[in-house]
Amino acid sequence: MIDRENVFARLAALIEPFNRKSAPLSEATTFAGDLEWDSLTVMDFVAAVEDEFDILITMNMQAEIETVGQLVDAVGKLRSQA
């Protein structure tokens, strides 16, 4: 069982340098719509998340993750498999 609040807080800290519009963060925040990230920003962010949590996020998973909450779930799932 993951600590959603802890994972969210760690992700929020990773998002901060990429959050150029200072969009408010919640589990419903979308990467493309709310944060207006392009593919290069997404790739940089994914690399940071993988390093922070010692996980590997596949391209297929990336395509399915649209919100911060979905990323929290994905991190929890990947960490439980490790």
PDB file of N, CA and C in Angstrom:
ATOM      1  N   MET A   1       0.847  -1.195   0.000  1.00  0.00           N
ATOM      2  CA  MET A   1       0.000   0.000   0.000  1.00  0.00           C
ATOM      3  C   MET A   1       0.886   1.251   0.000  1.00  0.00           C
ATOM      4  N   ILE A   2       0.605   2.146  -0.918  1.00  0.00           N
ATOM      5  CA  ILE A   2       1.433   3.346  -1.014  1.00  0.00           C
ATOM      6  C   ILE A   2       0.872   4.465  -0.143  1.00  0.00           C
ATOM      7  N   ASP A   3       1.740   5.331   0.262  1.00  0.00           N
ATOM      8  CA  ASP A   3       1.345   6.544   0.974  1.00  0.00           C
ATOM      9  C   ASP A   3       1.098   7.616  -0.085  1.00  0.00           C
ATOM     10  N   ARG A   4      -0.162   7.768  -0.499  1.00  0.00           N
ATOM     11  CA  ARG A   4      -0.509   8.680  -1.596  1.00  0.00           C
ATOM     12  C   ARG A   4      -0.043  10.102  -1.322  1.00  0.00           C
ATOM     13  N   GLU A   5      -0.196  10.555  -0.078  1.00  0.00           N
ATOM     14  CA  GLU A   5       0.203  11.929   0.252  1.00  0.00           C
ATOM     15  C   GLU A   5       1.701  12.126   0.067  1.00  0.00           C
ATOM     16  N   ASN A   6       2.486  11.128   0.480  1.00  0.00           N
ATOM     17  CA  ASN A   6       3.939  11.220   0.347  1.00  0.00           C
ATOM     18  C   ASN A   6       4.342  11.202  -1.121  1.00  0.00           C
ATOM     19  N   VAL A   7       3.757  10.300  -1.905  1.00  0.00           N
ATOM     20  CA  VAL A   7       4.087  10.221  -3.334  1.00  0.00           C
ATOM     21  C   VAL A   7       3.667  11.518  -4.023  1.00  0.00           C
ATOM     22  N   PHE A   8       2.476  12.025  -3.701  1.00  0.00           N
ATOM     23  CA  PHE A   8       2.015  13.277  -4.307  1.00  0.00           C
ATOM     24  C   PHE A   8       2.974  14.423  -3.966  1.00  0.00           C
ATOM     25  N   ALA A   9       3.390  14.510  -2.709  1.00  0.00           N
ATOM     26  CA  ALA A   9       4.293  15.586  -2.285  1.00  0.00           C
ATOM     27  C   ALA A   9       5.628  15.500  -3.020  1.00  0.00           C
ATOM     28  N   ARG A  10       6.153  14.290  -3.169  1.00  0.00           N
ATOM     29  CA  ARG A  10       7.426  14.122  -3.881  1.00  0.00           C
ATOM     30  C   ARG A  10       7.267  14.473  -5.359  1.00  0.00           C
ATOM     31  N   LEU A  11       6.138  14.080  -5.954  1.00  0.00           N
ATOM     32  CA  LEU A  11       5.884  14.427  -7.353  1.00  0.00           C
ATOM     33  C   LEU A  11       5.704  15.935  -7.514  1.00  0.00           C
ATOM     34  N   ALA A  12       5.003  16.554  -6.579  1.00  0.00           N
ATOM     35  CA  ALA A  12       4.799  18.006  -6.643  1.00  0.00           C
ATOM     36  C   ALA A  12       6.131  18.731  -6.613  1.00  0.00           C
ATOM     37  N   ALA A  13       7.066  18.247  -5.799  1.00  0.00           N
ATOM     38  CA  ALA A  13       8.397  18.857  -5.740  1.00  0.00           C
ATOM     39  C   ALA A  13       9.127  18.694  -7.078  1.00  0.00           C
ATOM     40  N   LEU A  14       8.925  17.557  -7.735  1.00  0.00           N
ATOM     41  CA  LEU A  14       9.556  17.331  -9.036  1.00  0.00           C
ATOM     42  C   LEU A  14       8.899  18.168 -10.129  1.00  0.00           C
ATOM     43  N   ILE A  15       7.599  18.400 -10.003  1.00  0.00           N
ATOM     44  CA  ILE A  15       6.857  19.180 -10.999  1.00  0.00           C
ATOM     45  C   ILE A  15       7.244  20.657 -10.921  1.00  0.00           C
ATOM     46  N   GLU A  16       7.531  21.142  -9.731  1.00  0.00           N
ATOM     47  CA  GLU A  16       7.740  22.574  -9.505  1.00  0.00           C
ATOM     48  C   GLU A  16       8.665  23.258 -10.522  1.00  0.00           C
ATOM     49  N   PRO A  17       9.864  22.725 -10.796  1.00  0.00           N
ATOM     50  CA  PRO A  17      10.733  23.421 -11.754  1.00  0.00           C
ATOM     51  C   PRO A  17      10.178  23.441 -13.181  1.00  0.00           C
ATOM     52  N   PHE A  18       9.255  22.533 -13.484  1.00  0.00           N
ATOM     53  CA  PHE A  18       8.661  22.452 -14.823  1.00  0.00           C
ATOM     54  C   PHE A  18       7.347  23.228 -14.921  1.00  0.00           C
ATOM     55  N   ASN A  19       6.863  23.725 -13.783  1.00  0.00           N
ATOM     56  CA  ASN A  19       5.544  24.381 -13.716  1.00  0.00           C
ATOM     57  C   ASN A  19       5.705  25.879 -13.995  1.00  0.00           C
ATOM     58  N   ARG A  20       5.980  26.201 -15.245  1.00  0.00           N
ATOM     59  CA  ARG A  20       6.270  27.579 -15.619  1.00  0.00           C
ATOM     60  C   ARG A  20       5.073  28.511 -15.476  1.00  0.00           C
ATOM     61  N   LYS A  21       3.875  27.971 -15.508  1.00  0.00           N
ATOM     62  CA  LYS A  21       2.675  28.795 -15.390  1.00  0.00           C
ATOM     63  C   LYS A  21       2.177  28.865 -13.945  1.00  0.00           C
ATOM     64  N   SER A  22       2.892  28.240 -13.027  1.00  0.00           N
ATOM     65  CA  SER A  22       2.497  28.187 -11.613  1.00  0.00           C
ATOM     66  C   SER A  22       1.062  27.693 -11.456  1.00  0.00           C
ATOM     67  N   ALA A  23       0.713  26.684 -12.237  1.00  0.00           N
ATOM     68  CA  ALA A  23      -0.631  26.094 -12.152  1.00  0.00           C
ATOM     69  C   ALA A  23      -0.792  25.415 -10.799  1.00  0.00           C
ATOM     70  N   PRO A  24      -1.957  25.556 -10.178  1.00  0.00           N
ATOM     71  CA  PRO A  24      -2.186  24.869  -8.903  1.00  0.00           C
ATOM     72  C   PRO A  24      -2.179  23.353  -9.134  1.00  0.00           C
ATOM     73  N   LEU A  25      -1.580  22.619  -8.201  1.00  0.00           N
ATOM     74  CA  LEU A  25      -1.475  21.173  -8.355  1.00  0.00           C
ATOM     75  C   LEU A  25      -2.502  20.444  -7.504  1.00  0.00           C
ATOM     76  N   SER A  26      -3.136  19.475  -8.120  1.00  0.00           N
ATOM     77  CA  SER A  26      -4.006  18.535  -7.417  1.00  0.00           C
ATOM     78  C   SER A  26      -3.895  17.218  -8.163  1.00  0.00           C
ATOM     79  N   GLU A  27      -4.569  16.193  -7.683  1.00  0.00           N
ATOM     80  CA  GLU A  27      -4.523  14.913  -8.383  1.00  0.00           C
ATOM     81  C   GLU A  27      -5.219  15.007  -9.738  1.00  0.00           C
ATOM     82  N   ALA A  28      -6.055  16.010  -9.932  1.00  0.00           N
ATOM     83  CA  ALA A  28      -6.775  16.177 -11.198  1.00  0.00           C
ATOM     84  C   ALA A  28      -6.009  17.027 -12.212  1.00  0.00           C
ATOM     85  N   THR A  29      -4.887  17.608 -11.803  1.00  0.00           N
ATOM     86  CA  THR A  29      -4.096  18.440 -12.711  1.00  0.00           C
ATOM     87  C   THR A  29      -3.611  17.605 -13.890  1.00  0.00           C
ATOM     88  N   THR A  30      -3.820  18.112 -15.106  1.00  0.00           N
ATOM     89  CA  THR A  30      -3.361  17.395 -16.297  1.00  0.00           C
ATOM     90  C   THR A  30      -2.031  17.974 -16.770  1.00  0.00           C
ATOM     91  N   PHE A  31      -1.200  17.092 -17.300  1.00  0.00           N
ATOM     92  CA  PHE A  31       0.118  17.516 -17.774  1.00  0.00           C
ATOM     93  C   PHE A  31       0.002  18.323 -19.063  1.00  0.00           C
ATOM     94  N   ALA A  32      -0.813  17.863 -19.993  1.00  0.00           N
ATOM     95  CA  ALA A  32      -0.934  18.542 -21.290  1.00  0.00           C
ATOM     96  C   ALA A  32      -1.787  19.805 -21.184  1.00  0.00           C
ATOM     97  N   GLY A  33      -2.935  19.709 -20.526  1.00  0.00           N
ATOM     98  CA  GLY A  33      -3.864  20.833 -20.474  1.00  0.00           C
ATOM     99  C   GLY A  33      -3.509  21.890 -19.448  1.00  0.00           C
ATOM    100  N   ASP A  34      -3.404  21.488 -18.188  1.00  0.00           N
ATOM    101  CA  ASP A  34      -3.165  22.451 -17.108  1.00  0.00           C
ATOM    102  C   ASP A  34      -1.724  22.967 -17.080  1.00  0.00           C
ATOM    103  N   LEU A  35      -0.767  22.056 -17.237  1.00  0.00           N
ATOM    104  CA  LEU A  35       0.639  22.454 -17.167  1.00  0.00           C
ATOM    105  C   LEU A  35       1.196  22.854 -18.527  1.00  0.00           C
ATOM    106  N   GLU A  36       0.484  22.494 -19.585  1.00  0.00           N
ATOM    107  CA  GLU A  36       0.872  22.835 -20.963  1.00  0.00           C
ATOM    108  C   GLU A  36       2.278  22.358 -21.304  1.00  0.00           C
ATOM    109  N   TRP A  37       2.570  21.101 -20.947  1.00  0.00           N
ATOM    110  CA  TRP A  37       3.881  20.540 -21.225  1.00  0.00           C
ATOM    111  C   TRP A  37       3.954  20.005 -22.646  1.00  0.00           C
ATOM    112  N   ASP A  38       5.109  20.207 -23.280  1.00  0.00           N
ATOM    113  CA  ASP A  38       5.360  19.594 -24.574  1.00  0.00           C
ATOM    114  C   ASP A  38       6.070  18.251 -24.345  1.00  0.00           C
ATOM    115  N   SER A  39       6.315  17.527 -25.425  1.00  0.00           N
ATOM    116  CA  SER A  39       6.881  16.179 -25.292  1.00  0.00           C
ATOM    117  C   SER A  39       8.281  16.195 -24.672  1.00  0.00           C
ATOM    118  N   LEU A  40       9.065  17.210 -24.945  1.00  0.00           N
ATOM    119  CA  LEU A  40      10.410  17.287 -24.366  1.00  0.00           C
ATOM    120  C   LEU A  40      10.342  17.481 -22.850  1.00  0.00           C
ATOM    121  N   THR A  41       9.443  18.332 -22.403  1.00  0.00           N
ATOM    122  CA  THR A  41       9.266  18.540 -20.960  1.00  0.00           C
ATOM    123  C   THR A  41       8.815  17.249 -20.300  1.00  0.00           C
ATOM    124  N   VAL A  42       7.895  16.543 -20.945  1.00  0.00           N
ATOM    125  CA  VAL A  42       7.411  15.265 -20.401  1.00  0.00           C
ATOM    126  C   VAL A  42       8.574  14.286 -20.254  1.00  0.00           C
ATOM    127  N   MET A  43       9.415  14.194 -21.268  1.00  0.00           N
ATOM    128  CA  MET A  43      10.546  13.256 -21.203  1.00  0.00           C
ATOM    129  C   MET A  43      11.511  13.623 -20.066  1.00  0.00           C
ATOM    130  N   ASP A  44      11.800  14.904 -19.909  1.00  0.00           N
ATOM    131  CA  ASP A  44      12.673  15.345 -18.811  1.00  0.00           C
ATOM    132  C   ASP A  44      12.050  15.026 -17.455  1.00  0.00           C
ATOM    133  N   PHE A  45      10.747  15.272 -17.340  1.00  0.00           N
ATOM    134  CA  PHE A  45      10.053  15.018 -16.088  1.00  0.00           C
ATOM    135  C   PHE A  45      10.010  13.521 -15.777  1.00  0.00           C
ATOM    136  N   VAL A  46       9.716  12.710 -16.779  1.00  0.00           N
ATOM    137  CA  VAL A  46       9.667  11.257 -16.573  1.00  0.00           C
ATOM    138  C   VAL A  46      11.025  10.753 -16.083  1.00  0.00           C
ATOM    139  N   ALA A  47      12.104  11.258 -16.666  1.00  0.00           N
ATOM    140  CA  ALA A  47      13.442  10.859 -16.220  1.00  0.00           C
ATOM    141  C   ALA A  47      13.656  11.225 -14.753  1.00  0.00           C
ATOM    142  N   ALA A  48      13.184  12.390 -14.346  1.00  0.00           N
ATOM    143  CA  ALA A  48      13.314  12.815 -12.944  1.00  0.00           C
ATOM    144  C   ALA A  48      12.507  11.907 -12.020  1.00  0.00           C
ATOM    145  N   VAL A  49      11.296  11.544 -12.446  1.00  0.00           N
ATOM    146  CA  VAL A  49      10.443  10.655 -11.638  1.00  0.00           C
ATOM    147  C   VAL A  49      11.092   9.276 -11.522  1.00  0.00           C
ATOM    148  N   GLU A  50      11.606   8.767 -12.626  1.00  0.00           N
ATOM    149  CA  GLU A  50      12.249   7.451 -12.598  1.00  0.00           C
ATOM    150  C   GLU A  50      13.441   7.449 -11.647  1.00  0.00           C
ATOM    151  N   ASP A  51      14.230   8.515 -11.661  1.00  0.00           N
ATOM    152  CA  ASP A  51      15.376   8.615 -10.756  1.00  0.00           C
ATOM    153  C   ASP A  51      14.933   8.721  -9.302  1.00  0.00           C
ATOM    154  N   GLU A  52      13.931   9.551  -9.055  1.00  0.00           N
ATOM    155  CA  GLU A  52      13.448   9.785  -7.681  1.00  0.00           C
ATOM    156  C   GLU A  52      12.905   8.513  -7.039  1.00  0.00           C
ATOM    157  N   PHE A  53      12.146   7.733  -7.803  1.00  0.00           N
ATOM    158  CA  PHE A  53      11.468   6.559  -7.244  1.00  0.00           C
ATOM    159  C   PHE A  53      12.130   5.234  -7.627  1.00  0.00           C
ATOM    160  N   ASP A  54      13.225   5.287  -8.392  1.00  0.00           N
ATOM    161  CA  ASP A  54      13.932   4.086  -8.836  1.00  0.00           C
ATOM    162  C   ASP A  54      12.973   3.113  -9.533  1.00  0.00           C
ATOM    163  N   ILE A  55      12.263   3.637 -10.543  1.00  0.00           N
ATOM    164  CA  ILE A  55      11.306   2.855 -11.326  1.00  0.00           C
ATOM    165  C   ILE A  55      11.557   3.110 -12.808  1.00  0.00           C
ATOM    166  N   LEU A  56      10.891   2.326 -13.655  1.00  0.00           N
ATOM    167  CA  LEU A  56      10.948   2.526 -15.103  1.00  0.00           C
ATOM    168  C   LEU A  56       9.517   2.674 -15.606  1.00  0.00           C
ATOM    169  N   ILE A  57       9.230   3.815 -16.205  1.00  0.00           N
ATOM    170  CA  ILE A  57       7.907   4.089 -16.761  1.00  0.00           C
ATOM    171  C   ILE A  57       7.978   3.858 -18.266  1.00  0.00           C
ATOM    172  N   THR A  58       7.254   2.854 -18.750  1.00  0.00           N
ATOM    173  CA  THR A  58       7.304   2.522 -20.176  1.00  0.00           C
ATOM    174  C   THR A  58       6.589   3.588 -21.006  1.00  0.00           C
ATOM    175  N   MET A  59       6.872   3.593 -22.293  1.00  0.00           N
ATOM    176  CA  MET A  59       6.201   4.531 -23.206  1.00  0.00           C
ATOM    177  C   MET A  59       4.696   4.292 -23.205  1.00  0.00           C
ATOM    178  N   ASN A  60       4.284   3.024 -23.125  1.00  0.00           N
ATOM    179  CA  ASN A  60       2.852   2.717 -23.088  1.00  0.00           C
ATOM    180  C   ASN A  60       2.197   3.312 -21.844  1.00  0.00           C
ATOM    181  N   MET A  61       2.876   3.204 -20.707  1.00  0.00           N
ATOM    182  CA  MET A  61       2.334   3.780 -19.476  1.00  0.00           C
ATOM    183  C   MET A  61       2.260   5.297 -19.601  1.00  0.00           C
ATOM    184  N   GLN A  62       3.307   5.908 -20.158  1.00  0.00           N
ATOM    185  CA  GLN A  62       3.322   7.363 -20.305  1.00  0.00           C
ATOM    186  C   GLN A  62       2.122   7.834 -21.113  1.00  0.00           C
ATOM    187  N   ALA A  63       1.786   7.088 -22.145  1.00  0.00           N
ATOM    188  CA  ALA A  63       0.677   7.478 -23.017  1.00  0.00           C
ATOM    189  C   ALA A  63      -0.659   7.445 -22.282  1.00  0.00           C
ATOM    190  N   GLU A  64      -0.758   6.606 -21.256  1.00  0.00           N
ATOM    191  CA  GLU A  64      -2.014   6.462 -20.517  1.00  0.00           C
ATOM    192  C   GLU A  64      -2.132   7.434 -19.344  1.00  0.00           C
ATOM    193  N   ILE A  65      -1.028   8.014 -18.904  1.00  0.00           N
ATOM    194  CA  ILE A  65      -1.028   8.883 -17.723  1.00  0.00           C
ATOM    195  C   ILE A  65      -1.290  10.321 -18.155  1.00  0.00           C
ATOM    196  N   GLU A  66      -2.437  10.849 -17.767  1.00  0.00           N
ATOM    197  CA  GLU A  66      -2.805  12.208 -18.149  1.00  0.00           C
ATOM    198  C   GLU A  66      -2.865  13.170 -16.973  1.00  0.00           C
ATOM    199  N   THR A  67      -3.041  12.644 -15.757  1.00  0.00           N
ATOM    200  CA  THR A  67      -3.178  13.502 -14.576  1.00  0.00           C
ATOM    201  C   THR A  67      -2.131  13.143 -13.518  1.00  0.00           C
ATOM    202  N   VAL A  68      -1.946  14.062 -12.584  1.00  0.00           N
ATOM    203  CA  VAL A  68      -1.021  13.813 -11.474  1.00  0.00           C
ATOM    204  C   VAL A  68      -1.503  12.611 -10.658  1.00  0.00           C
ATOM    205  N   GLY A  69      -2.801  12.496 -10.451  1.00  0.00           N
ATOM    206  CA  GLY A  69      -3.348  11.366  -9.695  1.00  0.00           C
ATOM    207  C   GLY A  69      -3.059  10.031 -10.359  1.00  0.00           C
ATOM    208  N   GLN A  70      -3.169   9.986 -11.677  1.00  0.00           N
ATOM    209  CA  GLN A  70      -2.844   8.755 -12.403  1.00  0.00           C
ATOM    210  C   GLN A  70      -1.364   8.420 -12.247  1.00  0.00           C
ATOM    211  N   LEU A  71      -0.525   9.451 -12.198  1.00  0.00           N
ATOM    212  CA  LEU A  71       0.901   9.215 -11.997  1.00  0.00           C
ATOM    213  C   LEU A  71       1.171   8.698 -10.592  1.00  0.00           C
ATOM    214  N   VAL A  72       0.470   9.222  -9.600  1.00  0.00           N
ATOM    215  CA  VAL A  72       0.600   8.712  -8.224  1.00  0.00           C
ATOM    216  C   VAL A  72       0.279   7.213  -8.206  1.00  0.00           C
ATOM    217  N   ASP A  73      -0.822   6.829  -8.860  1.00  0.00           N
ATOM    218  CA  ASP A  73      -1.208   5.416  -8.926  1.00  0.00           C
ATOM    219  C   ASP A  73      -0.141   4.578  -9.624  1.00  0.00           C
ATOM    220  N   ALA A  74       0.380   5.089 -10.743  1.00  0.00           N
ATOM    221  CA  ALA A  74       1.383   4.350 -11.510  1.00  0.00           C
ATOM    222  C   ALA A  74       2.667   4.157 -10.698  1.00  0.00           C
ATOM    223  N   VAL A  75       3.094   5.213 -10.002  1.00  0.00           N
ATOM    224  CA  VAL A  75       4.290   5.092  -9.172  1.00  0.00           C
ATOM    225  C   VAL A  75       4.069   4.041  -8.085  1.00  0.00           C
ATOM    226  N   GLY A  76       2.910   4.082  -7.438  1.00  0.00           N
ATOM    227  CA  GLY A  76       2.593   3.100  -6.405  1.00  0.00           C
ATOM    228  C   GLY A  76       2.613   1.690  -6.946  1.00  0.00           C
ATOM    229  N   LYS A  77       2.027   1.487  -8.101  1.00  0.00           N
ATOM    230  CA  LYS A  77       1.983   0.161  -8.717  1.00  0.00           C
ATOM    231  C   LYS A  77       3.395  -0.332  -9.066  1.00  0.00           C
ATOM    232  N   LEU A  78       4.195   0.543  -9.669  1.00  0.00           N
ATOM    233  CA  LEU A  78       5.545   0.160 -10.054  1.00  0.00           C
ATOM    234  C   LEU A  78       6.433  -0.124  -8.852  1.00  0.00           C
ATOM    235  N   ARG A  79       6.267   0.657  -7.801  1.00  0.00           N
ATOM    236  CA  ARG A  79       7.075   0.454  -6.584  1.00  0.00           C
ATOM    237  C   ARG A  79       6.699  -0.849  -5.897  1.00  0.00           C
ATOM    238  N   SER A  80       5.417  -1.218  -5.952  1.00  0.00           N
ATOM    239  CA  SER A  80       4.987  -2.460  -5.299  1.00  0.00           C
ATOM    240  C   SER A  80       5.480  -3.687  -6.063  1.00  0.00           C
ATOM    241  N   GLN A  81       5.777  -3.522  -7.363  1.00  0.00           N
ATOM    242  CA  GLN A  81       6.283  -4.631  -8.176  1.00  0.00           C
ATOM    243  C   GLN A  81       7.782  -4.814  -8.018  1.00  0.00           C
ATOM    244  N   ALA A  82       8.449  -3.807  -7.498  1.00  0.00           N
ATOM    245  CA  ALA A  82       9.915  -3.848  -7.415  1.00  0.00           C
ATOM    246  C   ALA A  82      10.379  -4.771  -6.309  1.00  0.00           C
TER     247      ALA A  82
END
